[in-house]
PDB file of all heavy atoms in Angstrom:
ATOM      1  N   LYS A   1    -103.844 -70.786 -73.638  1.00  0.00           N
ATOM      2  CA  LYS A   1    -104.747 -70.790 -74.826  1.00  0.00           C
ATOM      3  C   LYS A   1    -104.701 -69.441 -75.541  1.00  0.00           C
ATOM      4  O   LYS A   1    -104.837 -69.361 -76.770  1.00  0.00           O
ATOM      5  CB  LYS A   1    -106.164 -71.131 -74.438  1.00  0.00           C
ATOM      6  CG  LYS A   1    -106.845 -70.044 -73.597  1.00  0.00           C
ATOM      7  CD  LYS A   1    -108.257 -70.367 -73.177  1.00  0.00           C
ATOM      8  CE  LYS A   1    -108.869 -69.223 -72.403  1.00  0.00           C
ATOM      9  NZ  LYS A   1    -110.169 -69.508 -71.832  1.00  0.00           N
ATOM     10  N   SER A   2    -104.477 -68.371 -74.768  1.00  0.00           N
ATOM     11  CA  SER A   2    -104.478 -67.023 -75.338  1.00  0.00           C
ATOM     12  C   SER A   2    -103.277 -66.727 -76.217  1.00  0.00           C
ATOM     13  O   SER A   2    -103.307 -65.827 -77.024  1.00  0.00           O
ATOM     14  CB  SER A   2    -104.571 -65.969 -74.207  1.00  0.00           C
ATOM     15  OG  SER A   2    -105.741 -66.171 -73.469  1.00  0.00           O
ATOM     16  N   LYS A   3    -102.184 -67.517 -76.036  1.00  0.00           N
ATOM     17  CA  LYS A   3    -101.031 -67.359 -76.913  1.00  0.00           C
ATOM     18  C   LYS A   3    -101.391 -67.601 -78.350  1.00  0.00           C
ATOM     19  O   LYS A   3    -100.862 -66.958 -79.260  1.00  0.00           O
ATOM     20  CB  LYS A   3     -99.914 -68.323 -76.503  1.00  0.00           C
ATOM     21  CG  LYS A   3     -99.204 -67.994 -75.203  1.00  0.00           C
ATOM     22  CD  LYS A   3     -98.063 -68.993 -75.026  1.00  0.00           C
ATOM     23  CE  LYS A   3     -97.394 -68.868 -73.673  1.00  0.00           C
ATOM     24  NZ  LYS A   3     -96.277 -69.820 -73.514  1.00  0.00           N
ATOM     25  N   LYS A   4    -102.303 -68.554 -78.562  1.00  0.00           N
ATOM     26  CA  LYS A   4    -102.734 -68.890 -79.932  1.00  0.00           C
ATOM     27  C   LYS A   4    -103.819 -67.970 -80.417  1.00  0.00           C
ATOM     28  O   LYS A   4    -103.961 -67.690 -81.609  1.00  0.00           O
ATOM     29  CB  LYS A   4    -103.259 -70.339 -79.972  1.00  0.00           C
ATOM     30  CG  LYS A   4    -102.245 -71.407 -79.593  1.00  0.00           C
ATOM     31  CD  LYS A   4    -101.174 -71.589 -80.661  1.00  0.00           C
ATOM     32  CE  LYS A   4    -100.236 -72.729 -80.324  1.00  0.00           C
ATOM     33  NZ  LYS A   4     -99.128 -72.856 -81.305  1.00  0.00           N
ATOM     34  N   ILE A   5    -104.620 -67.436 -79.485  1.00  0.00           N
ATOM     35  CA  ILE A   5    -105.751 -66.562 -79.849  1.00  0.00           C
ATOM     36  C   ILE A   5    -105.273 -65.156 -80.187  1.00  0.00           C
ATOM     37  O   ILE A   5    -105.705 -64.545 -81.153  1.00  0.00           O
ATOM     38  CB  ILE A   5    -106.779 -66.487 -78.710  1.00  0.00           C
ATOM     39  CG1 ILE A   5    -107.343 -67.871 -78.417  1.00  0.00           C
ATOM     40  CG2 ILE A   5    -107.929 -65.538 -79.070  1.00  0.00           C
ATOM     41  CD1 ILE A   5    -108.065 -67.959 -77.085  1.00  0.00           C
ATOM     42  N   ALA A   6    -104.338 -64.626 -79.363  1.00  0.00           N
ATOM     43  CA  ALA A   6    -103.869 -63.242 -79.558  1.00  0.00           C
ATOM     44  C   ALA A   6    -102.334 -63.237 -79.615  1.00  0.00           C
ATOM     45  O   ALA A   6    -101.693 -62.587 -78.759  1.00  0.00           O
ATOM     46  CB  ALA A   6    -104.402 -62.350 -78.436  1.00  0.00           C
ATOM     47  N   PRO A   7    -101.725 -63.929 -80.584  1.00  0.00           N
ATOM     48  CA  PRO A   7    -100.244 -64.022 -80.608  1.00  0.00           C
ATOM     49  C   PRO A   7     -99.563 -62.678 -80.834  1.00  0.00           C
ATOM     50  O   PRO A   7     -98.460 -62.460 -80.333  1.00  0.00           O
ATOM     51  CB  PRO A   7     -99.999 -64.989 -81.775  1.00  0.00           C
ATOM     52  CG  PRO A   7    -101.179 -64.881 -82.634  1.00  0.00           C
ATOM     53  CD  PRO A   7    -102.344 -64.638 -81.728  1.00  0.00           C
ATOM     54  N   VAL A   8    -100.216 -61.784 -81.573  1.00  0.00           N
ATOM     55  CA  VAL A   8     -99.595 -60.467 -81.865  1.00  0.00           C
ATOM     56  C   VAL A   8     -99.415 -59.688 -80.556  1.00  0.00           C
ATOM     57  O   VAL A   8     -98.342 -59.118 -80.301  1.00  0.00           O
ATOM     58  CB  VAL A   8    -100.475 -59.663 -82.860  1.00  0.00           C
ATOM     59  CG1 VAL A   8    -100.041 -58.203 -82.912  1.00  0.00           C
ATOM     60  CG2 VAL A   8    -100.394 -60.281 -84.251  1.00  0.00           C
ATOM     61  N   ILE A   9    -100.434 -59.685 -79.703  1.00  0.00           N
ATOM     62  CA  ILE A   9    -100.358 -58.926 -78.451  1.00  0.00           C
ATOM     63  C   ILE A   9     -99.320 -59.578 -77.505  1.00  0.00           C
ATOM     64  O   ILE A   9     -98.617 -58.890 -76.773  1.00  0.00           O
ATOM     65  CB  ILE A   9    -101.747 -58.828 -77.782  1.00  0.00           C
ATOM     66  CG1 ILE A   9    -102.762 -58.233 -78.765  1.00  0.00           C
ATOM     67  CG2 ILE A   9    -101.678 -57.972 -76.524  1.00  0.00           C
ATOM     68  CD1 ILE A   9    -104.187 -58.235 -78.270  1.00  0.00           C
ATOM     69  N   TYR A  10     -99.259 -60.899 -77.533  1.00  0.00           N
ATOM     70  CA  TYR A  10     -98.265 -61.630 -76.709  1.00  0.00           C
ATOM     71  C   TYR A  10     -96.848 -61.247 -77.140  1.00  0.00           C
ATOM     72  O   TYR A  10     -95.998 -60.937 -76.285  1.00  0.00           O
ATOM     73  CB  TYR A  10     -98.474 -63.125 -76.854  1.00  0.00           C
ATOM     74  CG  TYR A  10     -97.538 -63.982 -76.038  1.00  0.00           C
ATOM     75  CD1 TYR A  10     -97.286 -63.706 -74.684  1.00  0.00           C
ATOM     76  CD2 TYR A  10     -96.888 -65.080 -76.605  1.00  0.00           C
ATOM     77  CE1 TYR A  10     -96.432 -64.498 -73.933  1.00  0.00           C
ATOM     78  CE2 TYR A  10     -96.043 -65.900 -75.861  1.00  0.00           C
ATOM     79  CZ  TYR A  10     -95.812 -65.599 -74.528  1.00  0.00           C
ATOM     80  OH  TYR A  10     -94.978 -66.372 -73.784  1.00  0.00           O
ATOM     81  N   LEU A  11     -96.613 -61.190 -78.439  1.00  0.00           N
ATOM     82  CA  LEU A  11     -95.289 -60.805 -78.959  1.00  0.00           C
ATOM     83  C   LEU A  11     -94.933 -59.370 -78.565  1.00  0.00           C
ATOM     84  O   LEU A  11     -93.801 -59.095 -78.200  1.00  0.00           O
ATOM     85  CB  LEU A  11     -95.286 -60.946 -80.487  1.00  0.00           C
ATOM     86  CG  LEU A  11     -95.208 -62.361 -81.053  1.00  0.00           C
ATOM     87  CD1 LEU A  11     -95.502 -62.352 -82.544  1.00  0.00           C
ATOM     88  CD2 LEU A  11     -93.849 -62.993 -80.792  1.00  0.00           C
ATOM     89  N   LYS A  12     -95.917 -58.467 -78.624  1.00  0.00           N
ATOM     90  CA  LYS A  12     -95.664 -57.072 -78.256  1.00  0.00           C
ATOM     91  C   LYS A  12     -95.291 -56.980 -76.765  1.00  0.00           C
ATOM     92  O   LYS A  12     -94.437 -56.182 -76.388  1.00  0.00           O
ATOM     93  CB  LYS A  12     -96.892 -56.210 -78.541  1.00  0.00           C
ATOM     94  CG  LYS A  12     -97.056 -55.881 -80.038  1.00  0.00           C
ATOM     95  CD  LYS A  12     -98.229 -54.963 -80.281  1.00  0.00           C
ATOM     96  CE  LYS A  12     -98.349 -54.643 -81.767  1.00  0.00           C
ATOM     97  NZ  LYS A  12     -97.315 -53.698 -82.225  1.00  0.00           N
ATOM     98  N   GLY A  13     -95.919 -57.784 -75.936  1.00  0.00           N
ATOM     99  CA  GLY A  13     -95.572 -57.827 -74.517  1.00  0.00           C
ATOM    100  C   GLY A  13     -94.131 -58.233 -74.313  1.00  0.00           C
ATOM    101  O   GLY A  13     -93.389 -57.608 -73.528  1.00  0.00           O
ATOM    102  N   TYR A  14     -93.702 -59.264 -75.022  1.00  0.00           N
ATOM    103  CA  TYR A  14     -92.315 -59.723 -74.960  1.00  0.00           C
ATOM    104  C   TYR A  14     -91.364 -58.614 -75.403  1.00  0.00           C
ATOM    105  O   TYR A  14     -90.300 -58.390 -74.795  1.00  0.00           O
ATOM    106  CB  TYR A  14     -92.122 -60.916 -75.895  1.00  0.00           C
ATOM    107  CG  TYR A  14     -91.846 -62.229 -75.169  1.00  0.00           C
ATOM    108  CD1 TYR A  14     -92.579 -63.377 -75.428  1.00  0.00           C
ATOM    109  CD2 TYR A  14     -90.802 -62.333 -74.243  1.00  0.00           C
ATOM    110  CE1 TYR A  14     -92.328 -64.574 -74.762  1.00  0.00           C
ATOM    111  CE2 TYR A  14     -90.545 -63.517 -73.583  1.00  0.00           C
ATOM    112  CZ  TYR A  14     -91.293 -64.641 -73.873  1.00  0.00           C
ATOM    113  OH  TYR A  14     -91.023 -65.814 -73.212  1.00  0.00           O
ATOM    114  N   HIS A  15     -91.739 -57.918 -76.471  1.00  0.00           N
ATOM    115  CA  HIS A  15     -90.890 -56.836 -76.995  1.00  0.00           C
ATOM    116  C   HIS A  15     -90.664 -55.758 -75.958  1.00  0.00           C
ATOM    117  O   HIS A  15     -89.529 -55.304 -75.738  1.00  0.00           O
ATOM    118  CB  HIS A  15     -91.530 -56.246 -78.240  1.00  0.00           C
ATOM    119  CG  HIS A  15     -90.875 -54.999 -78.709  1.00  0.00           C
ATOM    120  ND1 HIS A  15     -89.555 -54.927 -79.134  1.00  0.00           N
ATOM    121  CD2 HIS A  15     -91.347 -53.701 -78.784  1.00  0.00           C
ATOM    122  CE1 HIS A  15     -89.248 -53.693 -79.453  1.00  0.00           C
ATOM    123  NE2 HIS A  15     -90.300 -52.924 -79.253  1.00  0.00           N
ATOM    124  N   TYR A  16     -91.730 -55.310 -75.296  1.00  0.00           N
ATOM    125  CA  TYR A  16     -91.562 -54.220 -74.317  1.00  0.00           C
ATOM    126  C   TYR A  16     -90.889 -54.676 -73.053  1.00  0.00           C
ATOM    127  O   TYR A  16     -90.175 -53.891 -72.404  1.00  0.00           O
ATOM    128  CB  TYR A  16     -92.935 -53.555 -74.042  1.00  0.00           C
ATOM    129  CG  TYR A  16     -93.364 -52.765 -75.243  1.00  0.00           C
ATOM    130  CD1 TYR A  16     -94.437 -53.207 -76.033  1.00  0.00           C
ATOM    131  CD2 TYR A  16     -92.650 -51.656 -75.660  1.00  0.00           C
ATOM    132  CE1 TYR A  16     -94.763 -52.543 -77.176  1.00  0.00           C
ATOM    133  CE2 TYR A  16     -93.008 -50.985 -76.817  1.00  0.00           C
ATOM    134  CZ  TYR A  16     -94.051 -51.428 -77.575  1.00  0.00           C
ATOM    135  OH  TYR A  16     -94.394 -50.757 -78.733  1.00  0.00           O
ATOM    136  N   LEU A  17     -91.027 -55.948 -72.739  1.00  0.00           N
ATOM    137  CA  LEU A  17     -90.268 -56.515 -71.598  1.00  0.00           C
ATOM    138  C   LEU A  17     -88.760 -56.457 -71.927  1.00  0.00           C
ATOM    139  O   LEU A  17     -87.955 -56.012 -71.091  1.00  0.00           O
ATOM    140  CB  LEU A  17     -90.721 -57.946 -71.338  1.00  0.00           C
ATOM    141  CG  LEU A  17     -90.010 -58.686 -70.198  1.00  0.00           C
ATOM    142  CD1 LEU A  17     -90.128 -57.960 -68.887  1.00  0.00           C
ATOM    143  CD2 LEU A  17     -90.575 -60.120 -70.069  1.00  0.00           C
ATOM    144  N   LEU A  18     -88.402 -56.888 -73.110  1.00  0.00           N
ATOM    145  CA  LEU A  18     -86.998 -56.846 -73.539  1.00  0.00           C
ATOM    146  C   LEU A  18     -86.488 -55.425 -73.673  1.00  0.00           C
ATOM    147  O   LEU A  18     -85.328 -55.125 -73.289  1.00  0.00           O
ATOM    148  CB  LEU A  18     -86.841 -57.601 -74.869  1.00  0.00           C
ATOM    149  CG  LEU A  18     -86.894 -59.121 -74.806  1.00  0.00           C
ATOM    150  CD1 LEU A  18     -87.158 -59.723 -76.159  1.00  0.00           C
ATOM    151  CD2 LEU A  18     -85.577 -59.663 -74.221  1.00  0.00           C
ATOM    152  N   ASP A  19     -87.324 -54.553 -74.214  1.00  0.00           N
ATOM    153  CA  ASP A  19     -86.947 -53.145 -74.412  1.00  0.00           C
ATOM    154  C   ASP A  19     -86.603 -52.467 -73.079  1.00  0.00           C
ATOM    155  O   ASP A  19     -85.595 -51.728 -72.967  1.00  0.00           O
ATOM    156  CB  ASP A  19     -88.080 -52.414 -75.131  1.00  0.00           C
ATOM    157  CG  ASP A  19     -87.555 -51.482 -76.207  1.00  0.00           C
ATOM    158  OD1 ASP A  19     -86.520 -51.807 -76.802  1.00  0.00           O
ATOM    159  OD2 ASP A  19     -88.187 -50.445 -76.451  1.00  0.00           O
ATOM    160  N   THR A  20     -87.444 -52.690 -72.083  1.00  0.00           N
ATOM    161  CA  THR A  20     -87.212 -52.040 -70.775  1.00  0.00           C
ATOM    162  C   THR A  20     -85.973 -52.614 -70.086  1.00  0.00           C
ATOM    163  O   THR A  20     -85.225 -51.870 -69.441  1.00  0.00           O
ATOM    164  CB  THR A  20     -88.446 -52.170 -69.852  1.00  0.00           C
ATOM    165  OG1 THR A  20     -88.886 -53.514 -69.821  1.00  0.00           O
ATOM    166  CG2 THR A  20     -89.597 -51.329 -70.338  1.00  0.00           C
ATOM    167  N   LEU A  21     -85.736 -53.917 -70.265  1.00  0.00           N
ATOM    168  CA  LEU A  21     -84.510 -54.512 -69.682  1.00  0.00           C
ATOM    169  C   LEU A  21     -83.274 -53.937 -70.355  1.00  0.00           C
ATOM    170  O   LEU A  21     -82.255 -53.746 -69.729  1.00  0.00           O
ATOM    171  CB  LEU A  21     -84.555 -56.041 -69.838  1.00  0.00           C
ATOM    172  CG  LEU A  21     -85.528 -56.776 -68.906  1.00  0.00           C
ATOM    173  CD1 LEU A  21     -85.656 -58.232 -69.317  1.00  0.00           C
ATOM    174  CD2 LEU A  21     -85.061 -56.688 -67.459  1.00  0.00           C
ATOM    175  N   PHE A  22     -83.395 -53.657 -71.668  1.00  0.00           N
ATOM    176  CA  PHE A  22     -82.288 -53.027 -72.391  1.00  0.00           C
ATOM    177  C   PHE A  22     -82.011 -51.634 -71.852  1.00  0.00           C
ATOM    178  O   PHE A  22     -80.869 -51.275 -71.576  1.00  0.00           O
ATOM    179  CB  PHE A  22     -82.630 -52.977 -73.876  1.00  0.00           C
ATOM    180  CG  PHE A  22     -81.673 -52.155 -74.713  1.00  0.00           C
ATOM    181  CD1 PHE A  22     -80.367 -52.546 -74.894  1.00  0.00           C
ATOM    182  CD2 PHE A  22     -82.088 -50.971 -75.298  1.00  0.00           C
ATOM    183  CE1 PHE A  22     -79.474 -51.802 -75.644  1.00  0.00           C
ATOM    184  CE2 PHE A  22     -81.226 -50.216 -76.070  1.00  0.00           C
ATOM    185  CZ  PHE A  22     -79.915 -50.620 -76.247  1.00  0.00           C
ATOM    186  N   TYR A  23     -83.067 -50.845 -71.674  1.00  0.00           N
ATOM    187  CA  TYR A  23     -82.896 -49.488 -71.149  1.00  0.00           C
ATOM    188  C   TYR A  23     -82.410 -49.461 -69.712  1.00  0.00           C
ATOM    189  O   TYR A  23     -81.721 -48.551 -69.293  1.00  0.00           O
ATOM    190  CB  TYR A  23     -84.180 -48.670 -71.306  1.00  0.00           C
ATOM    191  CG  TYR A  23     -84.457 -48.244 -72.713  1.00  0.00           C
ATOM    192  CD1 TYR A  23     -85.724 -48.393 -73.281  1.00  0.00           C
ATOM    193  CD2 TYR A  23     -83.471 -47.695 -73.524  1.00  0.00           C
ATOM    194  CE1 TYR A  23     -86.008 -48.005 -74.591  1.00  0.00           C
ATOM    195  CE2 TYR A  23     -83.724 -47.301 -74.826  1.00  0.00           C
ATOM    196  CZ  TYR A  23     -84.989 -47.475 -75.353  1.00  0.00           C
ATOM    197  OH  TYR A  23     -85.219 -47.085 -76.661  1.00  0.00           O
ATOM    198  N   LEU A  24     -82.804 -50.475 -68.944  1.00  0.00           N
ATOM    199  CA  LEU A  24     -82.321 -50.609 -67.558  1.00  0.00           C
ATOM    200  C   LEU A  24     -80.924 -51.185 -67.500  1.00  0.00           C
ATOM    201  O   LEU A  24     -80.320 -51.242 -66.417  1.00  0.00           O
ATOM    202  CB  LEU A  24     -83.295 -51.507 -66.747  1.00  0.00           C
ATOM    203  CG  LEU A  24     -84.668 -50.917 -66.434  1.00  0.00           C
ATOM    204  CD1 LEU A  24     -85.591 -52.007 -65.935  1.00  0.00           C
ATOM    205  CD2 LEU A  24     -84.579 -49.776 -65.452  1.00  0.00           C
ATOM    206  N   ASN A  25     -80.422 -51.630 -68.654  1.00  0.00           N
ATOM    207  CA  ASN A  25     -79.090 -52.233 -68.775  1.00  0.00           C
ATOM    208  C   ASN A  25     -78.940 -53.470 -67.876  1.00  0.00           C
ATOM    209  O   ASN A  25     -77.880 -53.717 -67.303  1.00  0.00           O
ATOM    210  CB  ASN A  25     -77.998 -51.206 -68.456  1.00  0.00           C
ATOM    211  CG  ASN A  25     -76.648 -51.606 -69.014  1.00  0.00           C
ATOM    212  OD1 ASN A  25     -76.566 -52.271 -70.055  1.00  0.00           O
ATOM    213  ND2 ASN A  25     -75.578 -51.216 -68.348  1.00  0.00           N
ATOM    214  N   HIS A  26     -80.012 -54.234 -67.761  1.00  0.00           N
ATOM    215  CA  HIS A  26     -79.993 -55.459 -66.942  1.00  0.00           C
ATOM    216  C   HIS A  26     -79.647 -56.627 -67.879  1.00  0.00           C
ATOM    217  O   HIS A  26     -80.541 -57.332 -68.384  1.00  0.00           O
ATOM    218  CB  HIS A  26     -81.334 -55.662 -66.254  1.00  0.00           C
ATOM    219  CG  HIS A  26     -81.247 -56.521 -65.030  1.00  0.00           C
ATOM    220  ND1 HIS A  26     -80.645 -57.767 -65.039  1.00  0.00           N
ATOM    221  CD2 HIS A  26     -81.657 -56.319 -63.753  1.00  0.00           C
ATOM    222  CE1 HIS A  26     -80.721 -58.300 -63.839  1.00  0.00           C
ATOM    223  NE2 HIS A  26     -81.327 -57.443 -63.027  1.00  0.00           N
ATOM    224  N   TYR A  27     -78.371 -56.840 -68.103  1.00  0.00           N
ATOM    225  CA  TYR A  27     -77.899 -57.760 -69.153  1.00  0.00           C
ATOM    226  C   TYR A  27     -78.328 -59.204 -68.902  1.00  0.00           C
ATOM    227  O   TYR A  27     -78.854 -59.851 -69.808  1.00  0.00           O
ATOM    228  CB  TYR A  27     -76.379 -57.683 -69.252  1.00  0.00           C
ATOM    229  CG  TYR A  27     -75.789 -58.620 -70.292  1.00  0.00           C
ATOM    230  CD1 TYR A  27     -75.865 -58.307 -71.646  1.00  0.00           C
ATOM    231  CD2 TYR A  27     -75.161 -59.809 -69.914  1.00  0.00           C
ATOM    232  CE1 TYR A  27     -75.336 -59.157 -72.607  1.00  0.00           C
ATOM    233  CE2 TYR A  27     -74.619 -60.669 -70.862  1.00  0.00           C
ATOM    234  CZ  TYR A  27     -74.730 -60.342 -72.213  1.00  0.00           C
ATOM    235  OH  TYR A  27     -74.206 -61.198 -73.145  1.00  0.00           O
ATOM    236  N   SER A  28     -78.129 -59.729 -67.702  1.00  0.00           N
ATOM    237  CA  SER A  28     -78.396 -61.130 -67.433  1.00  0.00           C
ATOM    238  C   SER A  28     -79.885 -61.454 -67.627  1.00  0.00           C
ATOM    239  O   SER A  28     -80.270 -62.483 -68.223  1.00  0.00           O
ATOM    240  CB  SER A  28     -77.950 -61.534 -66.023  1.00  0.00           C
ATOM    241  OG  SER A  28     -78.614 -60.739 -65.045  1.00  0.00           O
ATOM    242  N   LYS A  29     -80.746 -60.566 -67.128  1.00  0.00           N
ATOM    243  CA  LYS A  29     -82.199 -60.769 -67.283  1.00  0.00           C
ATOM    244  C   LYS A  29     -82.595 -60.637 -68.754  1.00  0.00           C
ATOM    245  O   LYS A  29     -83.465 -61.361 -69.243  1.00  0.00           O
ATOM    246  CB  LYS A  29     -82.950 -59.760 -66.428  1.00  0.00           C
ATOM    247  CG  LYS A  29     -84.063 -60.376 -65.594  1.00  0.00           C
ATOM    248  CD  LYS A  29     -84.555 -59.399 -64.550  1.00  0.00           C
ATOM    249  CE  LYS A  29     -85.007 -60.174 -63.315  1.00  0.00           C
ATOM    250  NZ  LYS A  29     -85.378 -59.288 -62.208  1.00  0.00           N
ATOM    251  N   PHE A  30     -81.998 -59.676 -69.432  1.00  0.00           N
ATOM    252  CA  PHE A  30     -82.283 -59.462 -70.864  1.00  0.00           C
ATOM    253  C   PHE A  30     -81.959 -60.718 -71.638  1.00  0.00           C
ATOM    254  O   PHE A  30     -82.754 -61.172 -72.472  1.00  0.00           O
ATOM    255  CB  PHE A  30     -81.451 -58.275 -71.376  1.00  0.00           C
ATOM    256  CG  PHE A  30     -81.573 -58.035 -72.845  1.00  0.00           C
ATOM    257  CD1 PHE A  30     -82.585 -57.235 -73.371  1.00  0.00           C
ATOM    258  CD2 PHE A  30     -80.666 -58.621 -73.758  1.00  0.00           C
ATOM    259  CE1 PHE A  30     -82.693 -57.021 -74.736  1.00  0.00           C
ATOM    260  CE2 PHE A  30     -80.787 -58.423 -75.132  1.00  0.00           C
ATOM    261  CZ  PHE A  30     -81.809 -57.622 -75.617  1.00  0.00           C
ATOM    262  N   ILE A  31     -80.774 -61.313 -71.426  1.00  0.00           N
ATOM    263  CA  ILE A  31     -80.337 -62.510 -72.143  1.00  0.00           C
ATOM    264  C   ILE A  31     -81.290 -63.671 -71.823  1.00  0.00           C
ATOM    265  O   ILE A  31     -81.676 -64.430 -72.721  1.00  0.00           O
ATOM    266  CB  ILE A  31     -78.887 -62.877 -71.775  1.00  0.00           C
ATOM    267  CG1 ILE A  31     -77.929 -61.796 -72.275  1.00  0.00           C
ATOM    268  CG2 ILE A  31     -78.508 -64.244 -72.304  1.00  0.00           C
ATOM    269  CD1 ILE A  31     -77.913 -61.617 -73.773  1.00  0.00           C
ATOM    270  N   HIS A  32     -81.693 -63.800 -70.586  1.00  0.00           N
ATOM    271  CA  HIS A  32     -82.596 -64.878 -70.161  1.00  0.00           C
ATOM    272  C   HIS A  32     -83.953 -64.762 -70.895  1.00  0.00           C
ATOM    273  O   HIS A  32     -84.463 -65.751 -71.426  1.00  0.00           O
ATOM    274  CB  HIS A  32     -82.828 -64.805 -68.649  1.00  0.00           C
ATOM    275  CG  HIS A  32     -83.865 -65.744 -68.146  1.00  0.00           C
ATOM    276  ND1 HIS A  32     -83.684 -67.110 -68.051  1.00  0.00           N
ATOM    277  CD2 HIS A  32     -85.176 -65.523 -67.727  1.00  0.00           C
ATOM    278  CE1 HIS A  32     -84.788 -67.694 -67.615  1.00  0.00           C
ATOM    279  NE2 HIS A  32     -85.704 -66.745 -67.405  1.00  0.00           N
ATOM    280  N   VAL A  33     -84.517 -63.554 -70.923  1.00  0.00           N
ATOM    281  CA  VAL A  33     -85.818 -63.348 -71.577  1.00  0.00           C
ATOM    282  C   VAL A  33     -85.686 -63.520 -73.089  1.00  0.00           C
ATOM    283  O   VAL A  33     -86.571 -64.111 -73.717  1.00  0.00           O
ATOM    284  CB  VAL A  33     -86.391 -61.943 -71.240  1.00  0.00           C
ATOM    285  CG1 VAL A  33     -87.682 -61.671 -72.017  1.00  0.00           C
ATOM    286  CG2 VAL A  33     -86.665 -61.855 -69.740  1.00  0.00           C
ATOM    287  N   LEU A  34     -84.597 -63.026 -73.684  1.00  0.00           N
ATOM    288  CA  LEU A  34     -84.398 -63.163 -75.128  1.00  0.00           C
ATOM    289  C   LEU A  34     -84.302 -64.645 -75.536  1.00  0.00           C
ATOM    290  O   LEU A  34     -84.896 -65.053 -76.524  1.00  0.00           O
ATOM    291  CB  LEU A  34     -83.142 -62.413 -75.579  1.00  0.00           C
ATOM    292  CG  LEU A  34     -82.801 -62.454 -77.075  1.00  0.00           C
ATOM    293  CD1 LEU A  34     -83.942 -61.905 -77.914  1.00  0.00           C
ATOM    294  CD2 LEU A  34     -81.499 -61.697 -77.350  1.00  0.00           C
ATOM    295  N   LYS A  35     -83.559 -65.417 -74.773  1.00  0.00           N
ATOM    296  CA  LYS A  35     -83.443 -66.894 -75.041  1.00  0.00           C
ATOM    297  C   LYS A  35     -84.790 -67.561 -74.935  1.00  0.00           C
ATOM    298  O   LYS A  35     -85.140 -68.404 -75.766  1.00  0.00           O
ATOM    299  CB  LYS A  35     -82.450 -67.540 -74.069  1.00  0.00           C
ATOM    300  CG  LYS A  35     -81.002 -67.314 -74.432  1.00  0.00           C
ATOM    301  CD  LYS A  35     -80.078 -68.027 -73.453  1.00  0.00           C
ATOM    302  CE  LYS A  35     -78.610 -67.800 -73.849  1.00  0.00           C
ATOM    303  NZ  LYS A  35     -77.682 -68.396 -72.835  1.00  0.00           N
TER     304      LYS A  35
END
């Protein structure tokens, strides 16, 4: 339910998850999360 209530914060969480996977150079996990 919170995805609809606070979508901006949810998106920011996704962004930092992807960002850290990029800096860790974990390609397979990065591609999975991005998809």
